[in-house]
Amino acid sequence: MMMNEVIACADRNDMMISLETHNPKNVPFYEHLGFKTFGIVEKPHFQLKQYCMIKEL
């Protein structure tokens, strides 16, 4: 519900939304809400990926 409120506010104000997640299981959920993966940041010394996502206007 909170994401729907954020998306509705951004739509009303012609704003793009960006977010980051480290959990790959979250990516399909955000894609379902209209986000696209903009990039994936990987650090060689850590076993951690950062998924950078945006929802365009």
PDB file of N, CA and C in Angstrom:
ATOM      1  N   MET A   1       0.810  -1.191   0.000  1.00  0.00           N
ATOM      2  CA  MET A   1       0.000   0.000   0.000  1.00  0.00           C
ATOM      3  C   MET A   1       0.858   1.261   0.000  1.00  0.00           C
ATOM      4  N   MET A   2       1.951   1.217   0.737  1.00  0.00           N
ATOM      5  CA  MET A   2       2.808   2.396   0.802  1.00  0.00           C
ATOM      6  C   MET A   2       3.408   2.714  -0.575  1.00  0.00           C
ATOM      7  N   MET A   3       3.859   1.688  -1.289  1.00  0.00           N
ATOM      8  CA  MET A   3       4.432   1.929  -2.619  1.00  0.00           C
ATOM      9  C   MET A   3       3.389   2.511  -3.561  1.00  0.00           C
ATOM     10  N   ASN A   4       2.139   2.056  -3.463  1.00  0.00           N
ATOM     11  CA  ASN A   4       1.085   2.609  -4.314  1.00  0.00           C
ATOM     12  C   ASN A   4       0.875   4.086  -4.038  1.00  0.00           C
ATOM     13  N   GLU A   5       0.967   4.500  -2.771  1.00  0.00           N
ATOM     14  CA  GLU A   5       0.832   5.914  -2.421  1.00  0.00           C
ATOM     15  C   GLU A   5       1.993   6.739  -2.985  1.00  0.00           C
ATOM     16  N   VAL A   6       3.197   6.200  -2.886  1.00  0.00           N
ATOM     17  CA  VAL A   6       4.380   6.896  -3.413  1.00  0.00           C
ATOM     18  C   VAL A   6       4.264   7.041  -4.933  1.00  0.00           C
ATOM     19  N   ILE A   7       3.863   5.975  -5.595  1.00  0.00           N
ATOM     20  CA  ILE A   7       3.726   6.001  -7.052  1.00  0.00           C
ATOM     21  C   ILE A   7       2.641   6.992  -7.467  1.00  0.00           C
ATOM     22  N   ALA A   8       1.509   6.991  -6.757  1.00  0.00           N
ATOM     23  CA  ALA A   8       0.422   7.910  -7.084  1.00  0.00           C
ATOM     24  C   ALA A   8       0.863   9.357  -6.905  1.00  0.00           C
ATOM     25  N   CYS A   9       1.585   9.645  -5.841  1.00  0.00           N
ATOM     26  CA  CYS A   9       2.091  11.001  -5.604  1.00  0.00           C
ATOM     27  C   CYS A   9       3.061  11.410  -6.707  1.00  0.00           C
ATOM     28  N   ALA A  10       3.960  10.516  -7.081  1.00  0.00           N
ATOM     29  CA  ALA A  10       4.922  10.811  -8.147  1.00  0.00           C
ATOM     30  C   ALA A  10       4.206  11.047  -9.473  1.00  0.00           C
ATOM     31  N   ASP A  11       3.188  10.252  -9.753  1.00  0.00           N
ATOM     32  CA  ASP A  11       2.417  10.427 -10.991  1.00  0.00           C
ATOM     33  C   ASP A  11       1.719  11.788 -11.018  1.00  0.00           C
ATOM     34  N   ARG A  12       1.118  12.168  -9.890  1.00  0.00           N
ATOM     35  CA  ARG A  12       0.421  13.463  -9.817  1.00  0.00           C
ATOM     36  C   ARG A  12       1.364  14.635 -10.032  1.00  0.00           C
ATOM     37  N   ASN A  13       2.613  14.463  -9.634  1.00  0.00           N
ATOM     38  CA  ASN A  13       3.587  15.547  -9.689  1.00  0.00           C
ATOM     39  C   ASN A  13       4.617  15.383 -10.799  1.00  0.00           C
ATOM     40  N   ASP A  14       4.368  14.468 -11.735  1.00  0.00           N
ATOM     41  CA  ASP A  14       5.282  14.215 -12.862  1.00  0.00           C
ATOM     42  C   ASP A  14       6.720  14.003 -12.397  1.00  0.00           C
ATOM     43  N   MET A  15       6.876  13.099 -11.440  1.00  0.00           N
ATOM     44  CA  MET A  15       8.195  12.817 -10.871  1.00  0.00           C
ATOM     45  C   MET A  15       8.627  11.392 -11.196  1.00  0.00           C
ATOM     46  N   MET A  16       9.915  11.219 -11.433  1.00  0.00           N
ATOM     47  CA  MET A  16      10.500   9.897 -11.591  1.00  0.00           C
ATOM     48  C   MET A  16      10.851   9.378 -10.195  1.00  0.00           C
ATOM     49  N   ILE A  17      10.768   8.075 -10.006  1.00  0.00           N
ATOM     50  CA  ILE A  17      11.127   7.465  -8.717  1.00  0.00           C
ATOM     51  C   ILE A  17      12.332   6.559  -8.933  1.00  0.00           C
ATOM     52  N   SER A  18      13.257   6.596  -7.991  1.00  0.00           N
ATOM     53  CA  SER A  18      14.382   5.657  -8.030  1.00  0.00           C
ATOM     54  C   SER A  18      14.449   4.937  -6.687  1.00  0.00           C
ATOM     55  N   LEU A  19      14.970   3.721  -6.730  1.00  0.00           N
ATOM     56  CA  LEU A  19      15.158   2.958  -5.502  1.00  0.00           C
ATOM     57  C   LEU A  19      16.312   1.998  -5.694  1.00  0.00           C
ATOM     58  N   GLU A  20      16.789   1.487  -4.577  1.00  0.00           N
ATOM     59  CA  GLU A  20      17.868   0.505  -4.592  1.00  0.00           C
ATOM     60  C   GLU A  20      17.488  -0.639  -3.669  1.00  0.00           C
ATOM     61  N   THR A  21      17.818  -1.852  -4.073  1.00  0.00           N
ATOM     62  CA  THR A  21      17.600  -3.015  -3.230  1.00  0.00           C
ATOM     63  C   THR A  21      18.799  -3.945  -3.355  1.00  0.00           C
ATOM     64  N   HIS A  22      19.090  -4.622  -2.274  1.00  0.00           N
ATOM     65  CA  HIS A  22      20.168  -5.613  -2.281  1.00  0.00           C
ATOM     66  C   HIS A  22      19.611  -7.028  -2.390  1.00  0.00           C
ATOM     67  N   ASN A  23      18.311  -7.149  -2.324  1.00  0.00           N
ATOM     68  CA  ASN A  23      17.685  -8.463  -2.338  1.00  0.00           C
ATOM     69  C   ASN A  23      17.141  -8.761  -3.739  1.00  0.00           C
ATOM     70  N   PRO A  24      17.728  -9.726  -4.438  1.00  0.00           N
ATOM     71  CA  PRO A  24      17.264 -10.026  -5.796  1.00  0.00           C
ATOM     72  C   PRO A  24      15.815 -10.507  -5.844  1.00  0.00           C
ATOM     73  N   LYS A  25      15.295 -11.018  -4.728  1.00  0.00           N
ATOM     74  CA  LYS A  25      13.895 -11.456  -4.685  1.00  0.00           C
ATOM     75  C   LYS A  25      12.933 -10.270  -4.755  1.00  0.00           C
ATOM     76  N   ASN A  26      13.408  -9.062  -4.444  1.00  0.00           N
ATOM     77  CA  ASN A  26      12.562  -7.869  -4.508  1.00  0.00           C
ATOM     78  C   ASN A  26      12.386  -7.356  -5.938  1.00  0.00           C
ATOM     79  N   VAL A  27      13.316  -7.674  -6.814  1.00  0.00           N
ATOM     80  CA  VAL A  27      13.315  -7.114  -8.170  1.00  0.00           C
ATOM     81  C   VAL A  27      12.007  -7.413  -8.919  1.00  0.00           C
ATOM     82  N   PRO A  28      11.509  -8.651  -8.945  1.00  0.00           N
ATOM     83  CA  PRO A  28      10.241  -8.901  -9.653  1.00  0.00           C
ATOM     84  C   PRO A  28       9.062  -8.108  -9.072  1.00  0.00           C
ATOM     85  N   PHE A  29       9.052  -7.918  -7.760  1.00  0.00           N
ATOM     86  CA  PHE A  29       7.986  -7.135  -7.129  1.00  0.00           C
ATOM     87  C   PHE A  29       7.996  -5.701  -7.653  1.00  0.00           C
ATOM     88  N   TYR A  30       9.181  -5.084  -7.676  1.00  0.00           N
ATOM     89  CA  TYR A  30       9.284  -3.707  -8.164  1.00  0.00           C
ATOM     90  C   TYR A  30       9.001  -3.629  -9.667  1.00  0.00           C
ATOM     91  N   GLU A  31       9.418  -4.639 -10.414  1.00  0.00           N
ATOM     92  CA  GLU A  31       9.106  -4.654 -11.846  1.00  0.00           C
ATOM     93  C   GLU A  31       7.587  -4.698 -12.067  1.00  0.00           C
ATOM     94  N   HIS A  32       6.904  -5.446 -11.234  1.00  0.00           N
ATOM     95  CA  HIS A  32       5.439  -5.529 -11.317  1.00  0.00           C
ATOM     96  C   HIS A  32       4.799  -4.151 -11.095  1.00  0.00           C
ATOM     97  N   LEU A  33       5.460  -3.302 -10.305  1.00  0.00           N
ATOM     98  CA  LEU A  33       4.965  -1.951 -10.037  1.00  0.00           C
ATOM     99  C   LEU A  33       5.393  -0.949 -11.112  1.00  0.00           C
ATOM    100  N   GLY A  34       6.138  -1.413 -12.122  1.00  0.00           N
ATOM    101  CA  GLY A  34       6.524  -0.542 -13.228  1.00  0.00           C
ATOM    102  C   GLY A  34       7.961  -0.050 -13.199  1.00  0.00           C
ATOM    103  N   PHE A  35       8.762  -0.542 -12.261  1.00  0.00           N
ATOM    104  CA  PHE A  35      10.171  -0.147 -12.192  1.00  0.00           C
ATOM    105  C   PHE A  35      10.991  -0.968 -13.177  1.00  0.00           C
ATOM    106  N   LYS A  36      12.077  -0.384 -13.641  1.00  0.00           N
ATOM    107  CA  LYS A  36      13.027  -1.078 -14.515  1.00  0.00           C
ATOM    108  C   LYS A  36      14.404  -1.022 -13.871  1.00  0.00           C
ATOM    109  N   THR A  37      15.169  -2.083 -14.060  1.00  0.00           N
ATOM    110  CA  THR A  37      16.539  -2.099 -13.537  1.00  0.00           C
ATOM    111  C   THR A  37      17.406  -1.183 -14.385  1.00  0.00           C
ATOM    112  N   PHE A  38      17.989  -0.187 -13.741  1.00  0.00           N
ATOM    113  CA  PHE A  38      18.839   0.780 -14.407  1.00  0.00           C
ATOM    114  C   PHE A  38      20.287   0.290 -14.424  1.00  0.00           C
ATOM    115  N   GLY A  39      20.662  -0.423 -13.385  1.00  0.00           N
ATOM    116  CA  GLY A  39      22.019  -0.947 -13.298  1.00  0.00           C
ATOM    117  C   GLY A  39      22.168  -1.835 -12.076  1.00  0.00           C
ATOM    118  N   ILE A  40      23.235  -2.604 -12.080  1.00  0.00           N
ATOM    119  CA  ILE A  40      23.561  -3.474 -10.950  1.00  0.00           C
ATOM    120  C   ILE A  40      24.995  -3.175 -10.551  1.00  0.00           C
ATOM    121  N   VAL A  41      25.175  -2.838  -9.299  1.00  0.00           N
ATOM    122  CA  VAL A  41      26.507  -2.525  -8.781  1.00  0.00           C
ATOM    123  C   VAL A  41      27.007  -3.732  -8.002  1.00  0.00           C
ATOM    124  N   GLU A  42      28.191  -4.186  -8.364  1.00  0.00           N
ATOM    125  CA  GLU A  42      28.804  -5.309  -7.661  1.00  0.00           C
ATOM    126  C   GLU A  42      30.179  -4.883  -7.161  1.00  0.00           C
ATOM    127  N   LYS A  43      30.475  -5.210  -5.943  1.00  0.00           N
ATOM    128  CA  LYS A  43      31.790  -4.940  -5.372  1.00  0.00           C
ATOM    129  C   LYS A  43      32.577  -6.243  -5.328  1.00  0.00           C
ATOM    130  N   PRO A  44      33.795  -6.250  -5.832  1.00  0.00           N
ATOM    131  CA  PRO A  44      34.548  -7.505  -5.913  1.00  0.00           C
ATOM    132  C   PRO A  44      34.875  -8.138  -4.557  1.00  0.00           C
ATOM    133  N   HIS A  45      34.939  -7.337  -3.496  1.00  0.00           N
ATOM    134  CA  HIS A  45      35.330  -7.874  -2.195  1.00  0.00           C
ATOM    135  C   HIS A  45      34.126  -8.267  -1.334  1.00  0.00           C
ATOM    136  N   PHE A  46      32.924  -8.031  -1.846  1.00  0.00           N
ATOM    137  CA  PHE A  46      31.715  -8.349  -1.105  1.00  0.00           C
ATOM    138  C   PHE A  46      30.825  -9.233  -1.966  1.00  0.00           C
ATOM    139  N   GLN A  47      30.083 -10.097  -1.343  1.00  0.00           N
ATOM    140  CA  GLN A  47      29.116 -10.905  -2.076  1.00  0.00           C
ATOM    141  C   GLN A  47      27.759 -10.211  -1.993  1.00  0.00           C
ATOM    142  N   LEU A  48      27.717  -9.009  -2.565  1.00  0.00           N
ATOM    143  CA  LEU A  48      26.532  -8.188  -2.466  1.00  0.00           C
ATOM    144  C   LEU A  48      26.311  -7.468  -3.787  1.00  0.00           C
ATOM    145  N   LYS A  49      25.091  -7.532  -4.289  1.00  0.00           N
ATOM    146  CA  LYS A  49      24.724  -6.803  -5.492  1.00  0.00           C
ATOM    147  C   LYS A  49      23.718  -5.733  -5.100  1.00  0.00           C
ATOM    148  N   GLN A  50      23.857  -4.575  -5.698  1.00  0.00           N
ATOM    149  CA  GLN A  50      22.909  -3.491  -5.470  1.00  0.00           C
ATOM    150  C   GLN A  50      22.151  -3.258  -6.771  1.00  0.00           C
ATOM    151  N   TYR A  51      20.854  -3.481  -6.733  1.00  0.00           N
ATOM    152  CA  TYR A  51      20.012  -3.302  -7.913  1.00  0.00           C
ATOM    153  C   TYR A  51      19.452  -1.883  -7.880  1.00  0.00           C
ATOM    154  N   CYS A  52      19.806  -1.094  -8.871  1.00  0.00           N
ATOM    155  CA  CYS A  52      19.337   0.285  -8.987  1.00  0.00           C
ATOM    156  C   CYS A  52      18.168   0.294  -9.968  1.00  0.00           C
ATOM    157  N   MET A  53      17.016   0.786  -9.488  1.00  0.00           N
ATOM    158  CA  MET A  53      15.797   0.706 -10.289  1.00  0.00           C
ATOM    159  C   MET A  53      15.153   2.090 -10.401  1.00  0.00           C
ATOM    160  N   ILE A  54      14.470   2.315 -11.536  1.00  0.00           N
ATOM    161  CA  ILE A  54      13.759   3.572 -11.727  1.00  0.00           C
ATOM    162  C   ILE A  54      12.350   3.299 -12.274  1.00  0.00           C
ATOM    163  N   LYS A  55      11.465   4.212 -11.961  1.00  0.00           N
ATOM    164  CA  LYS A  55      10.131   4.219 -12.554  1.00  0.00           C
ATOM    165  C   LYS A  55      10.000   5.569 -13.238  1.00  0.00           C
ATOM    166  N   GLU A  56      10.016   5.531 -14.561  1.00  0.00           N
ATOM    167  CA  GLU A  56      10.000   6.762 -15.339  1.00  0.00           C
ATOM    168  C   GLU A  56       8.599   7.360 -15.383  1.00  0.00           C
ATOM    169  N   LEU A  57       8.531   8.601 -15.849  1.00  0.00           N
ATOM    170  CA  LEU A  57       7.246   9.301 -15.981  1.00  0.00           C
ATOM    171  C   LEU A  57       6.351   8.604 -16.970  1.00  0.00           C
TER     172      LEU A  57
END
